[in-house]
Amino acid sequence: MQNYEEVPAMISGKDLDYLSDIYNWNFNACKLANHFKEEVQDEEIKDLLNRVADMHKEHAKAVLNILR
């Protein structure tokens, strides 16, 4: 039985394209959340946007770790 937590020793070009898309989506979402965090006055919304940015940053890091 295959363990889906383990990354294969080699990934296909299609997999690399998919990982690239995931990384770019999370990177851009992080940037947007950080941008809008600076644009709002409400501290509760700023906190929420900060947590959203952090979440997307961690997801982007996870994709990069797969590629190491």
N, C-alpha and C. Protein backbone atom coordinates (compact mmCIF):
# COMPACT_ATOMS: atom_id res chain seq x y z
N MET A 1 0.84 -1.18 0.00
CA MET A 1 0.00 0.00 0.00
C MET A 1 0.89 1.25 0.00
N GLN A 2 0.58 2.21 -0.86
CA GLN A 2 1.37 3.41 -1.00
C GLN A 2 1.04 4.41 0.11
N ASN A 3 2.08 5.00 0.68
CA ASN A 3 1.90 6.04 1.68
C ASN A 3 1.88 7.38 0.96
N TYR A 4 0.76 8.09 1.00
CA TYR A 4 0.62 9.34 0.27
C TYR A 4 1.30 10.51 0.95
N GLU A 5 1.89 10.29 2.11
CA GLU A 5 2.64 11.33 2.80
C GLU A 5 4.07 11.43 2.27
N GLU A 6 4.54 10.40 1.58
CA GLU A 6 5.90 10.38 1.06
C GLU A 6 5.93 10.90 -0.37
N VAL A 7 6.95 11.69 -0.65
CA VAL A 7 7.13 12.23 -1.99
C VAL A 7 7.97 11.24 -2.79
N PRO A 8 7.55 10.92 -4.01
CA PRO A 8 8.34 10.00 -4.82
C PRO A 8 9.72 10.58 -5.13
N ALA A 9 10.67 9.71 -5.44
CA ALA A 9 12.04 10.15 -5.73
C ALA A 9 12.08 11.00 -7.00
N MET A 10 11.14 10.79 -7.90
CA MET A 10 11.09 11.56 -9.14
C MET A 10 9.65 11.98 -9.40
N ILE A 11 9.48 13.21 -9.85
CA ILE A 11 8.14 13.67 -10.18
C ILE A 11 8.06 13.95 -11.68
N SER A 12 6.90 13.80 -12.24
CA SER A 12 6.70 14.00 -13.67
C SER A 12 6.62 15.50 -13.99
N GLY A 13 6.71 15.81 -15.25
CA GLY A 13 6.55 17.19 -15.69
C GLY A 13 5.17 17.72 -15.36
N LYS A 14 4.17 16.87 -15.49
CA LYS A 14 2.80 17.26 -15.16
C LYS A 14 2.69 17.58 -13.67
N ASP A 15 3.32 16.75 -12.84
CA ASP A 15 3.32 17.00 -11.40
C ASP A 15 4.03 18.32 -11.08
N LEU A 16 5.15 18.58 -11.76
CA LEU A 16 5.89 19.81 -11.54
C LEU A 16 5.04 21.02 -11.92
N ASP A 17 4.32 20.93 -13.03
CA ASP A 17 3.42 22.02 -13.43
C ASP A 17 2.34 22.25 -12.38
N TYR A 18 1.80 21.17 -11.85
CA TYR A 18 0.77 21.26 -10.82
C TYR A 18 1.33 21.91 -9.56
N LEU A 19 2.51 21.48 -9.12
CA LEU A 19 3.14 22.06 -7.94
C LEU A 19 3.45 23.54 -8.16
N SER A 20 3.87 23.87 -9.37
CA SER A 20 4.14 25.27 -9.69
C SER A 20 2.88 26.10 -9.59
N ASP A 21 1.78 25.59 -10.10
CA ASP A 21 0.49 26.29 -10.00
C ASP A 21 0.08 26.48 -8.55
N ILE A 22 0.22 25.44 -7.75
CA ILE A 22 -0.14 25.53 -6.32
C ILE A 22 0.72 26.58 -5.62
N TYR A 23 2.03 26.53 -5.89
CA TYR A 23 2.93 27.49 -5.27
C TYR A 23 2.54 28.92 -5.66
N ASN A 24 2.36 29.16 -6.96
CA ASN A 24 2.04 30.51 -7.43
C ASN A 24 0.72 31.00 -6.86
N TRP A 25 -0.27 30.13 -6.76
CA TRP A 25 -1.55 30.54 -6.20
C TRP A 25 -1.39 30.98 -4.75
N ASN A 26 -0.66 30.17 -3.97
CA ASN A 26 -0.46 30.50 -2.56
C ASN A 26 0.42 31.74 -2.38
N PHE A 27 1.46 31.87 -3.19
CA PHE A 27 2.34 33.04 -3.11
C PHE A 27 1.55 34.32 -3.41
N ASN A 28 0.76 34.30 -4.47
CA ASN A 28 -0.04 35.47 -4.82
C ASN A 28 -1.12 35.77 -3.79
N ALA A 29 -1.74 34.74 -3.24
CA ALA A 29 -2.75 34.95 -2.20
C ALA A 29 -2.12 35.57 -0.96
N CYS A 30 -0.92 35.14 -0.62
CA CYS A 30 -0.19 35.71 0.52
C CYS A 30 0.11 37.19 0.27
N LYS A 31 0.59 37.51 -0.92
CA LYS A 31 0.90 38.89 -1.26
C LYS A 31 -0.36 39.77 -1.20
N LEU A 32 -1.45 39.27 -1.75
CA LEU A 32 -2.69 40.05 -1.74
C LEU A 32 -3.20 40.28 -0.32
N ALA A 33 -3.17 39.25 0.51
CA ALA A 33 -3.63 39.40 1.89
C ALA A 33 -2.76 40.42 2.62
N ASN A 34 -1.44 40.37 2.41
CA ASN A 34 -0.55 41.35 3.04
C ASN A 34 -0.83 42.77 2.53
N HIS A 35 -1.10 42.88 1.25
CA HIS A 35 -1.41 44.20 0.68
C HIS A 35 -2.69 44.77 1.31
N PHE A 36 -3.75 43.99 1.32
CA PHE A 36 -5.02 44.48 1.84
C PHE A 36 -4.98 44.69 3.35
N LYS A 37 -4.12 43.97 4.03
CA LYS A 37 -3.95 44.17 5.47
C LYS A 37 -3.49 45.60 5.75
N GLU A 38 -2.68 46.16 4.87
CA GLU A 38 -2.19 47.53 5.03
C GLU A 38 -3.23 48.57 4.61
N GLU A 39 -4.25 48.15 3.90
CA GLU A 39 -5.25 49.08 3.38
C GLU A 39 -6.45 49.27 4.30
N VAL A 40 -6.66 48.37 5.24
CA VAL A 40 -7.85 48.45 6.10
C VAL A 40 -7.51 49.06 7.45
N GLN A 41 -8.52 49.61 8.08
CA GLN A 41 -8.35 50.24 9.40
C GLN A 41 -8.79 49.31 10.54
N ASP A 42 -9.75 48.46 10.28
CA ASP A 42 -10.32 47.59 11.31
C ASP A 42 -9.30 46.55 11.75
N GLU A 43 -8.97 46.56 13.04
CA GLU A 43 -7.94 45.66 13.58
C GLU A 43 -8.33 44.18 13.47
N GLU A 44 -9.62 43.90 13.60
CA GLU A 44 -10.08 42.52 13.49
C GLU A 44 -9.86 41.99 12.06
N ILE A 45 -10.14 42.83 11.08
CA ILE A 45 -9.92 42.43 9.69
C ILE A 45 -8.43 42.32 9.40
N LYS A 46 -7.63 43.24 9.94
CA LYS A 46 -6.17 43.15 9.77
C LYS A 46 -5.64 41.84 10.32
N ASP A 47 -6.13 41.46 11.50
CA ASP A 47 -5.70 40.21 12.12
C ASP A 47 -6.09 39.01 11.25
N LEU A 48 -7.31 39.03 10.74
CA LEU A 48 -7.77 37.94 9.87
C LEU A 48 -6.91 37.87 8.60
N LEU A 49 -6.65 39.01 7.98
CA LEU A 49 -5.81 39.02 6.77
C LEU A 49 -4.39 38.57 7.08
N ASN A 50 -3.89 38.89 8.24
CA ASN A 50 -2.56 38.43 8.65
C ASN A 50 -2.53 36.91 8.78
N ARG A 51 -3.58 36.35 9.37
CA ARG A 51 -3.65 34.89 9.51
C ARG A 51 -3.78 34.22 8.14
N VAL A 52 -4.55 34.83 7.25
CA VAL A 52 -4.70 34.30 5.88
C VAL A 52 -3.35 34.33 5.17
N ALA A 53 -2.63 35.44 5.28
CA ALA A 53 -1.30 35.55 4.66
C ALA A 53 -0.35 34.50 5.21
N ASP A 54 -0.35 34.33 6.52
CA ASP A 54 0.53 33.32 7.13
C ASP A 54 0.19 31.91 6.66
N MET A 55 -1.11 31.61 6.55
CA MET A 55 -1.53 30.28 6.08
C MET A 55 -1.01 30.02 4.67
N HIS A 56 -1.20 30.99 3.78
CA HIS A 56 -0.75 30.81 2.40
C HIS A 56 0.77 30.74 2.31
N LYS A 57 1.45 31.49 3.17
CA LYS A 57 2.92 31.43 3.20
C LYS A 57 3.39 30.03 3.60
N GLU A 58 2.75 29.45 4.59
CA GLU A 58 3.11 28.09 5.03
C GLU A 58 2.82 27.06 3.94
N HIS A 59 1.71 27.23 3.22
CA HIS A 59 1.40 26.31 2.13
C HIS A 59 2.43 26.42 1.02
N ALA A 60 2.86 27.64 0.70
CA ALA A 60 3.89 27.83 -0.33
C ALA A 60 5.20 27.18 0.11
N LYS A 61 5.55 27.34 1.38
CA LYS A 61 6.77 26.70 1.91
C LYS A 61 6.68 25.18 1.80
N ALA A 62 5.49 24.64 2.07
CA ALA A 62 5.31 23.18 1.99
C ALA A 62 5.55 22.69 0.57
N VAL A 63 5.07 23.45 -0.42
CA VAL A 63 5.31 23.06 -1.82
C VAL A 63 6.81 23.11 -2.12
N LEU A 64 7.49 24.15 -1.66
CA LEU A 64 8.94 24.23 -1.89
C LEU A 64 9.67 23.07 -1.23
N ASN A 65 9.22 22.65 -0.07
CA ASN A 65 9.87 21.53 0.62
C ASN A 65 9.72 20.23 -0.14
N ILE A 66 8.62 20.10 -0.89
CA ILE A 66 8.43 18.90 -1.72
C ILE A 66 9.50 18.84 -2.80
N LEU A 67 9.89 19.99 -3.29
CA LEU A 67 10.83 20.06 -4.41
C LEU A 67 12.29 19.94 -3.97
N ARG A 68 12.55 19.90 -2.71
CA ARG A 68 13.94 19.79 -2.20
C ARG A 68 14.42 18.37 -2.24
